[in-house]
Amino acid sequence: MERSGRDFIARHGETVFNAARRLQGDHPHTPLTRAGFAQADGMGRALRALLGAGPRLTLWASPTGRALQTLAVIAEHLDLDWHDAHTDARLVEIGMGSWGGRYYADVVAEVGPVIDPVTHALRVAPDGESYPAIARRVGGWLADTDEDGGDRLVVMHGISSRVLRGVMTGLAPDPALGSPLAPGLPQGSVALIELGRETVAHLGGGQAPA
């Protein structure tokens, strides 16, 4: 059964790991850069223009610092209380295993490319999380929150949000990955999903999709 409300799926702003070209994965706290805060401001302004002040909006976020920092800025623009937000560990980024925290260049030197040039999907680390595993956990979150009423904002990550958006819009599994994968959006973007259909509510100015 499709939710009657709208879902605004936001990708957090740029972090110090992004700026340094390090694999972030499910690291719990990698702070936003000044550019990241500016991207959060952009999302907040766009949502304010669309929804007005104090909208009836359920707030959700990955429990990572970067997602919560991004949400704090957006909530301020919307005149909403950040402390009312819900968090769920199933919204975190893809787990990168032993590659997590390492520089892209160092991993590429060892194993070859880690980003698919066509889909921009991250390669799964030998001890990392698979795409079907991401689909199962975000799908579990969707099932458990299916009765959320009205509109909601979900602040999360690049890869995990692409899987979530793919599941929500009924995309077929990517044959190479084994799970749905929506098109990538730059950091600071907000996708709008309503009745299983997706549009871009705000296109961010961050790094290209991953």
C-alpha atoms as a PDB file:
ATOM      1  CA  MET A   1       0.000   0.000   0.000  1.00  0.00           C
ATOM      2  CA  GLU A   2       1.424   3.405  -0.988  1.00  0.00           C
ATOM      3  CA  ARG A   3       1.718   6.177   1.586  1.00  0.00           C
ATOM      4  CA  SER A   4      -0.615   9.104   1.095  1.00  0.00           C
ATOM      5  CA  GLY A   5       2.016  11.655   2.159  1.00  0.00           C
ATOM      6  CA  ARG A   6       5.017  12.983   0.306  1.00  0.00           C
ATOM      7  CA  ASP A   7       8.588  11.891   1.056  1.00  0.00           C
ATOM      8  CA  PHE A   8      11.435  14.380   0.706  1.00  0.00           C
ATOM      9  CA  ILE A   9      14.662  12.347   0.539  1.00  0.00           C
ATOM     10  CA  ALA A  10      17.694  14.581   1.125  1.00  0.00           C
ATOM     11  CA  ARG A  11      21.377  13.833   0.638  1.00  0.00           C
ATOM     12  CA  HIS A  12      23.542  15.435   3.332  1.00  0.00           C
ATOM     13  CA  GLY A  13      25.983  18.232   2.562  1.00  0.00           C
ATOM     14  CA  GLU A  14      29.688  17.863   1.775  1.00  0.00           C
ATOM     15  CA  THR A  15      31.901  16.578   4.592  1.00  0.00           C
ATOM     16  CA  VAL A  16      35.605  16.727   5.387  1.00  0.00           C
ATOM     17  CA  PHE A  17      35.890  13.159   4.051  1.00  0.00           C
ATOM     18  CA  ASN A  18      34.241  14.125   0.762  1.00  0.00           C
ATOM     19  CA  ALA A  19      36.541  17.117   0.374  1.00  0.00           C
ATOM     20  CA  ALA A  20      39.605  14.975   1.056  1.00  0.00           C
ATOM     21  CA  ARG A  21      38.420  12.219  -1.331  1.00  0.00           C
ATOM     22  CA  ARG A  22      38.192   9.568   1.360  1.00  0.00           C
ATOM     23  CA  LEU A  23      35.754   6.658   1.404  1.00  0.00           C
ATOM     24  CA  GLN A  24      33.235   7.575   4.053  1.00  0.00           C
ATOM     25  CA  GLY A  25      30.875   4.629   4.218  1.00  0.00           C
ATOM     26  CA  ASP A  26      29.113   4.192   7.549  1.00  0.00           C
ATOM     27  CA  HIS A  27      31.568   6.263   9.611  1.00  0.00           C
ATOM     28  CA  PRO A  28      29.433   7.766  12.371  1.00  0.00           C
ATOM     29  CA  HIS A  29      30.750  11.325  12.342  1.00  0.00           C
ATOM     30  CA  THR A  30      32.498  13.143   9.554  1.00  0.00           C
ATOM     31  CA  PRO A  31      31.699  16.865   9.971  1.00  0.00           C
ATOM     32  CA  LEU A  32      30.304  19.123   7.267  1.00  0.00           C
ATOM     33  CA  THR A  33      32.592  21.572   5.495  1.00  0.00           C
ATOM     34  CA  ARG A  34      31.599  25.185   4.878  1.00  0.00           C
ATOM     35  CA  ALA A  35      30.419  24.051   1.454  1.00  0.00           C
ATOM     36  CA  GLY A  36      28.352  21.360   3.166  1.00  0.00           C
ATOM     37  CA  PHE A  37      26.658  23.896   5.409  1.00  0.00           C
ATOM     38  CA  ALA A  38      25.963  26.063   2.350  1.00  0.00           C
ATOM     39  CA  GLN A  39      24.351  23.062   0.626  1.00  0.00           C
ATOM     40  CA  ALA A  40      22.202  22.462   3.719  1.00  0.00           C
ATOM     41  CA  ASP A  41      21.169  26.115   3.590  1.00  0.00           C
ATOM     42  CA  GLY A  42      20.190  25.640  -0.047  1.00  0.00           C
ATOM     43  CA  MET A  43      17.985  22.680   0.815  1.00  0.00           C
ATOM     44  CA  GLY A  44      16.431  24.591   3.687  1.00  0.00           C
ATOM     45  CA  ARG A  45      15.616  27.602   1.510  1.00  0.00           C
ATOM     46  CA  ALA A  46      14.147  25.395  -1.213  1.00  0.00           C
ATOM     47  CA  LEU A  47      11.950  23.484   1.221  1.00  0.00           C
ATOM     48  CA  ARG A  48      10.866  26.720   2.913  1.00  0.00           C
ATOM     49  CA  ALA A  49       9.779  28.088  -0.474  1.00  0.00           C
ATOM     50  CA  LEU A  50       7.873  24.880  -1.193  1.00  0.00           C
ATOM     51  CA  LEU A  51       6.360  24.140   2.221  1.00  0.00           C
ATOM     52  CA  GLY A  52       6.295  27.463   4.050  1.00  0.00           C
ATOM     53  CA  ALA A  53       7.137  28.050   7.709  1.00  0.00           C
ATOM     54  CA  GLY A  54       6.371  25.423  10.314  1.00  0.00           C
ATOM     55  CA  PRO A  55       5.054  22.762   7.922  1.00  0.00           C
ATOM     56  CA  ARG A  56       3.494  19.544   9.179  1.00  0.00           C
ATOM     57  CA  LEU A  57       6.536  17.438   8.413  1.00  0.00           C
ATOM     58  CA  THR A  58       7.836  14.364  10.211  1.00  0.00           C
ATOM     59  CA  LEU A  59      11.636  14.553  10.452  1.00  0.00           C
ATOM     60  CA  TRP A  60      13.801  11.473   9.980  1.00  0.00           C
ATOM     61  CA  ALA A  61      17.580  11.140   9.691  1.00  0.00           C
ATOM     62  CA  SER A  62      20.427   8.713   9.673  1.00  0.00           C
ATOM     63  CA  PRO A  63      22.019   8.889  13.159  1.00  0.00           C
ATOM     64  CA  THR A  64      25.351   9.995  11.681  1.00  0.00           C
ATOM     65  CA  GLY A  65      26.691  13.424  12.575  1.00  0.00           C
ATOM     66  CA  ARG A  66      26.703  14.692   8.993  1.00  0.00           C
ATOM     67  CA  ALA A  67      23.039  13.829   8.467  1.00  0.00           C
ATOM     68  CA  LEU A  68      22.027  15.374  11.791  1.00  0.00           C
ATOM     69  CA  GLN A  69      24.048  18.535  11.095  1.00  0.00           C
ATOM     70  CA  THR A  70      22.363  18.862   7.708  1.00  0.00           C
ATOM     71  CA  LEU A  71      18.944  18.320   9.265  1.00  0.00           C
ATOM     72  CA  ALA A  72      19.621  20.958  11.941  1.00  0.00           C
ATOM     73  CA  VAL A  73      20.197  23.618   9.280  1.00  0.00           C
ATOM     74  CA  ILE A  74      17.139  22.588   7.251  1.00  0.00           C
ATOM     75  CA  ALA A  75      14.944  22.500  10.364  1.00  0.00           C
ATOM     76  CA  GLU A  76      16.025  26.034  11.258  1.00  0.00           C
ATOM     77  CA  HIS A  77      14.925  27.283   7.831  1.00  0.00           C
ATOM     78  CA  LEU A  78      11.559  25.557   8.288  1.00  0.00           C
ATOM     79  CA  ASP A  79      11.018  26.797  11.855  1.00  0.00           C
ATOM     80  CA  LEU A  80      10.882  23.190  13.055  1.00  0.00           C
ATOM     81  CA  ASP A  81      12.402  21.724  16.215  1.00  0.00           C
ATOM     82  CA  TRP A  82      15.424  19.535  15.418  1.00  0.00           C
ATOM     83  CA  HIS A  83      14.864  17.735  18.725  1.00  0.00           C
ATOM     84  CA  ASP A  84      11.621  16.278  17.348  1.00  0.00           C
ATOM     85  CA  ALA A  85      13.530  14.304  14.707  1.00  0.00           C
ATOM     86  CA  HIS A  86      13.544  10.529  14.608  1.00  0.00           C
ATOM     87  CA  THR A  87      16.717   8.584  13.780  1.00  0.00           C
ATOM     88  CA  ASP A  88      17.146   5.032  12.558  1.00  0.00           C
ATOM     89  CA  ALA A  89      20.388   3.139  11.963  1.00  0.00           C
ATOM     90  CA  ARG A  90      18.855   1.526   8.887  1.00  0.00           C
ATOM     91  CA  LEU A  91      19.245   4.878   7.102  1.00  0.00           C
ATOM     92  CA  VAL A  92      23.071   4.910   7.336  1.00  0.00           C
ATOM     93  CA  GLU A  93      25.398   4.764   4.337  1.00  0.00           C
ATOM     94  CA  ILE A  94      26.742   1.615   2.703  1.00  0.00           C
ATOM     95  CA  GLY A  95      29.215  -0.169   4.955  1.00  0.00           C
ATOM     96  CA  MET A  96      32.658  -0.080   3.308  1.00  0.00           C
ATOM     97  CA  GLY A  97      34.417  -2.548   5.621  1.00  0.00           C
ATOM     98  CA  SER A  98      38.200  -2.218   5.667  1.00  0.00           C
ATOM     99  CA  TRP A  99      38.045   0.370   2.858  1.00  0.00           C
ATOM    100  CA  GLY A 100      36.154   2.787   5.078  1.00  0.00           C
ATOM    101  CA  GLY A 101      38.091   5.953   5.887  1.00  0.00           C
ATOM    102  CA  ARG A 102      40.805   5.288   3.312  1.00  0.00           C
ATOM    103  CA  TYR A 103      41.667   7.612   0.442  1.00  0.00           C
ATOM    104  CA  TYR A 104      40.024   6.695  -2.853  1.00  0.00           C
ATOM    105  CA  ALA A 105      43.391   6.943  -4.624  1.00  0.00           C
ATOM    106  CA  ASP A 106      45.018   4.409  -2.299  1.00  0.00           C
ATOM    107  CA  VAL A 107      42.223   1.875  -2.711  1.00  0.00           C
ATOM    108  CA  VAL A 108      42.152   2.382  -6.484  1.00  0.00           C
ATOM    109  CA  ALA A 109      45.913   1.789  -6.615  1.00  0.00           C
ATOM    110  CA  GLU A 110      45.377  -1.576  -4.938  1.00  0.00           C
ATOM    111  CA  VAL A 111      42.189  -2.912  -6.530  1.00  0.00           C
ATOM    112  CA  GLY A 112      41.316  -0.690  -9.499  1.00  0.00           C
ATOM    113  CA  PRO A 113      38.300   1.601  -9.926  1.00  0.00           C
ATOM    114  CA  VAL A 114      35.824   1.723  -7.044  1.00  0.00           C
ATOM    115  CA  ILE A 115      33.135   3.835  -8.769  1.00  0.00           C
ATOM    116  CA  ASP A 116      31.284   2.508 -11.803  1.00  0.00           C
ATOM    117  CA  PRO A 117      31.650   5.121 -14.585  1.00  0.00           C
ATOM    118  CA  VAL A 118      28.091   4.559 -15.837  1.00  0.00           C
ATOM    119  CA  THR A 119      25.955   4.078 -12.708  1.00  0.00           C
ATOM    120  CA  HIS A 120      28.303   5.861 -10.257  1.00  0.00           C
ATOM    121  CA  ALA A 121      27.677   2.988  -7.857  1.00  0.00           C
ATOM    122  CA  LEU A 122      30.375   2.269  -5.318  1.00  0.00           C
ATOM    123  CA  ARG A 123      32.101  -1.074  -5.659  1.00  0.00           C
ATOM    124  CA  VAL A 124      31.402  -3.407  -2.746  1.00  0.00           C
ATOM    125  CA  ALA A 125      34.434  -3.937  -0.513  1.00  0.00           C
ATOM    126  CA  PRO A 126      35.472  -7.580   0.116  1.00  0.00           C
ATOM    127  CA  ASP A 127      34.264  -7.270   3.713  1.00  0.00           C
ATOM    128  CA  GLY A 128      31.705  -4.550   2.999  1.00  0.00           C
ATOM    129  CA  GLU A 129      27.939  -4.385   2.741  1.00  0.00           C
ATOM    130  CA  SER A 130      26.171  -5.670  -0.364  1.00  0.00           C
ATOM    131  CA  TYR A 131      23.487  -3.764  -2.222  1.00  0.00           C
ATOM    132  CA  PRO A 132      20.820  -6.414  -1.477  1.00  0.00           C
ATOM    133  CA  ALA A 133      21.663  -5.980   2.214  1.00  0.00           C
ATOM    134  CA  ILE A 134      21.085  -2.221   1.909  1.00  0.00           C
ATOM    135  CA  ALA A 135      17.766  -2.859   0.158  1.00  0.00           C
ATOM    136  CA  ARG A 136      16.686  -5.186   2.966  1.00  0.00           C
ATOM    137  CA  ARG A 137      17.467  -2.698   5.724  1.00  0.00           C
ATOM    138  CA  VAL A 138      15.937   0.367   4.051  1.00  0.00           C
ATOM    139  CA  GLY A 139      12.984  -1.793   3.026  1.00  0.00           C
ATOM    140  CA  GLY A 140      12.573  -2.789   6.655  1.00  0.00           C
ATOM    141  CA  TRP A 141      12.541   0.867   7.671  1.00  0.00           C
ATOM    142  CA  LEU A 142       9.902   1.596   5.039  1.00  0.00           C
ATOM    143  CA  ALA A 143       7.722  -1.259   6.253  1.00  0.00           C
ATOM    144  CA  ASP A 144       8.005  -0.186   9.878  1.00  0.00           C
ATOM    145  CA  THR A 145       7.135   3.438   9.094  1.00  0.00           C
ATOM    146  CA  ASP A 146       4.475   2.781   6.459  1.00  0.00           C
ATOM    147  CA  GLU A 147       1.785   4.235   8.700  1.00  0.00           C
ATOM    148  CA  ASP A 148       3.546   7.607   9.093  1.00  0.00           C
ATOM    149  CA  GLY A 149       0.924  10.179   8.303  1.00  0.00           C
ATOM    150  CA  GLY A 150       1.473  13.170   6.049  1.00  0.00           C
ATOM    151  CA  ASP A 151       4.710  14.509   4.619  1.00  0.00           C
ATOM    152  CA  ARG A 152       8.135  13.588   5.919  1.00  0.00           C
ATOM    153  CA  LEU A 153      11.747  14.609   5.377  1.00  0.00           C
ATOM    154  CA  VAL A 154      14.475  11.959   5.426  1.00  0.00           C
ATOM    155  CA  VAL A 155      18.114  13.117   5.556  1.00  0.00           C
ATOM    156  CA  MET A 156      20.568  10.381   4.650  1.00  0.00           C
ATOM    157  CA  HIS A 157      23.395   9.463   2.284  1.00  0.00           C
ATOM    158  CA  GLY A 158      24.356   9.062  -1.360  1.00  0.00           C
ATOM    159  CA  ILE A 159      24.276   5.309  -1.963  1.00  0.00           C
ATOM    160  CA  SER A 160      21.734   4.317   0.679  1.00  0.00           C
ATOM    161  CA  SER A 161      19.317   7.031  -0.490  1.00  0.00           C
ATOM    162  CA  ARG A 162      19.629   5.804  -4.069  1.00  0.00           C
ATOM    163  CA  VAL A 163      18.670   2.293  -2.965  1.00  0.00           C
ATOM    164  CA  LEU A 164      15.806   3.628  -0.832  1.00  0.00           C
ATOM    165  CA  ARG A 165      14.498   5.766  -3.693  1.00  0.00           C
ATOM    166  CA  GLY A 166      14.763   2.784  -6.033  1.00  0.00           C
ATOM    167  CA  VAL A 167      12.750   0.618  -3.651  1.00  0.00           C
ATOM    168  CA  MET A 168      10.142   3.350  -3.118  1.00  0.00           C
ATOM    169  CA  THR A 169       9.623   3.912  -6.843  1.00  0.00           C
ATOM    170  CA  GLY A 170       9.539   0.223  -7.724  1.00  0.00           C
ATOM    171  CA  LEU A 171      12.653   0.119  -9.896  1.00  0.00           C
ATOM    172  CA  ALA A 172      13.814  -3.285 -11.083  1.00  0.00           C
ATOM    173  CA  PRO A 173      17.018  -4.562  -9.458  1.00  0.00           C
ATOM    174  CA  ASP A 174      20.211  -3.564 -11.246  1.00  0.00           C
ATOM    175  CA  PRO A 175      21.517  -6.888 -12.642  1.00  0.00           C
ATOM    176  CA  ALA A 176      25.091  -6.182 -11.548  1.00  0.00           C
ATOM    177  CA  LEU A 177      24.175  -5.032  -8.038  1.00  0.00           C
ATOM    178  CA  GLY A 178      21.170  -7.158  -7.154  1.00  0.00           C
ATOM    179  CA  SER A 179      19.075  -4.269  -5.869  1.00  0.00           C
ATOM    180  CA  PRO A 180      17.209  -1.247  -7.215  1.00  0.00           C
ATOM    181  CA  LEU A 181      19.328   1.882  -7.620  1.00  0.00           C
ATOM    182  CA  ALA A 182      17.819   5.272  -8.447  1.00  0.00           C
ATOM    183  CA  PRO A 183      19.867   7.819 -10.414  1.00  0.00           C
ATOM    184  CA  GLY A 184      22.487   9.627  -8.376  1.00  0.00           C
ATOM    185  CA  LEU A 185      22.009  13.229  -7.271  1.00  0.00           C
ATOM    186  CA  PRO A 186      24.702  15.684  -6.125  1.00  0.00           C
ATOM    187  CA  GLN A 187      25.238  16.411  -2.455  1.00  0.00           C
ATOM    188  CA  GLY A 188      22.676  18.855  -1.117  1.00  0.00           C
ATOM    189  CA  SER A 189      19.871  17.536  -3.324  1.00  0.00           C
ATOM    190  CA  VAL A 190      16.307  16.674  -2.339  1.00  0.00           C
ATOM    191  CA  ALA A 191      14.222  14.110  -4.204  1.00  0.00           C
ATOM    192  CA  LEU A 192      10.438  14.192  -3.843  1.00  0.00           C
ATOM    193  CA  ILE A 193       8.550  10.900  -3.957  1.00  0.00           C
ATOM    194  CA  GLU A 194       4.768  10.921  -4.049  1.00  0.00           C
ATOM    195  CA  LEU A 195       2.587   7.905  -4.858  1.00  0.00           C
ATOM    196  CA  GLY A 196       5.605   6.009  -6.130  1.00  0.00           C
ATOM    197  CA  ARG A 197       6.759   8.722  -8.542  1.00  0.00           C
ATOM    198  CA  GLU A 198       9.940  10.753  -8.134  1.00  0.00           C
ATOM    199  CA  THR A 199      10.807  14.316  -9.071  1.00  0.00           C
ATOM    200  CA  VAL A 200      13.760  16.472  -8.008  1.00  0.00           C
ATOM    201  CA  ALA A 201      12.634  19.104  -5.498  1.00  0.00           C
ATOM    202  CA  HIS A 202      16.083  20.698  -5.261  1.00  0.00           C
ATOM    203  CA  LEU A 203      19.297  19.977  -7.154  1.00  0.00           C
ATOM    204  CA  GLY A 204      22.319  20.498  -4.942  1.00  0.00           C
ATOM    205  CA  GLY A 205      25.664  21.920  -5.924  1.00  0.00           C
ATOM    206  CA  GLY A 206      27.839  19.263  -4.305  1.00  0.00           C
ATOM    207  CA  GLN A 207      30.024  16.567  -5.745  1.00  0.00           C
ATOM    208  CA  ALA A 208      28.706  14.413  -8.569  1.00  0.00           C
ATOM    209  CA  PRO A 209      26.560  11.441  -7.595  1.00  0.00           C
ATOM    210  CA  ALA A 210      28.044   8.381  -5.936  1.00  0.00           C
END
